[in-house]
Amino acid sequence: MLFQQIRSATVKLNYGNVCFLIDPWLQDVCTDAEREQAALTKTFITKPVVPLPLPVEEIIQDVDVCIVTHDHADHFTSDYLPSDFPLVCQNQKDAEKAKSMGFTNVRYFETDEMCFGGVTVKRVDGKHGDNELLAQKAGPVSGFVFRCANEKKIYLAGDTVFCDVVENVIAEEKPDVVIVNSCDARTRSGRLIMNEEDVVRTCQCLKDGIVIASHMDAVSHAHLTRKQLKEYLEKEGYDHQVLIPSDGEIIDLSR
């Protein structure tokens, strides 16, 4: 039972006998010229601001299932992915978009649960914005709960702020591990995903479980770094409960 932070929200999860890749954003890092242009125009850089920590071939090797939490460009592009890569999307609309991009092996969650080689994956909602207008504009997003016999239960929350939905999933599913996207990404309309305070709220709901902070230090609209999150958690007394993996780092969750 291994978790690997790839980059941004892209993670790899070896769970049961299944290798999952989640939110494959394998796009090349932005150039210096693109950085300068973004600074001049005060716009977001639409590419990752740091390179991948591993060769693409290694990242996609042995993947059985690739889950796309939603179709935003910092979570899923076609870069370096084979056209027959085994994609599973949150809904039919996202699946049709993936097919229009040239992918041929695409499924989606027609019900709340799908099974992959003895692993049950349950789709749950999220709220992609700290106000209703922003969440509506950002569109539907999904988190996923992973469970199988003799393994810890994992809840990958996806692109969401801390809200009643997240709190209810933790209360009902009682996961052992919660993976949160927590770089405090923002637009002019508001905050899109979790910040340091939301990470602490997640810890408080989870009690004795482990929280993994993902989606860090890779997008230009982030307002929270790994270093800042670590310092805040130390100050609040939650650093023992939260893991903040570096890009490429592997965490053994079976311990």
Foldseek 3Di string as FASTA:
>chain_A
DKWAFWAAQWIWDCDDPAIETEQDQQDAADDPVLVVVCVVVVHWRLHWNDHTPDDPCVSLPRHPEYEYQDDDNSRDDCPPPDLAHQYEYADDVRQVVSVVNRRDRYHYPPDQWDDDPQKIKGKFWAQFFPDDVVSVVVPTGIWIWIDGPPDFIEIEGPWHEDDPRLLVCCVVVLGQEYEFAEQQFADPVGTGGHYLVRVVVSCVSNPNHAYEYHSADIIPRGDHHPVNSCVVCVVVVNNVRYHYDDNGDMDDPSD
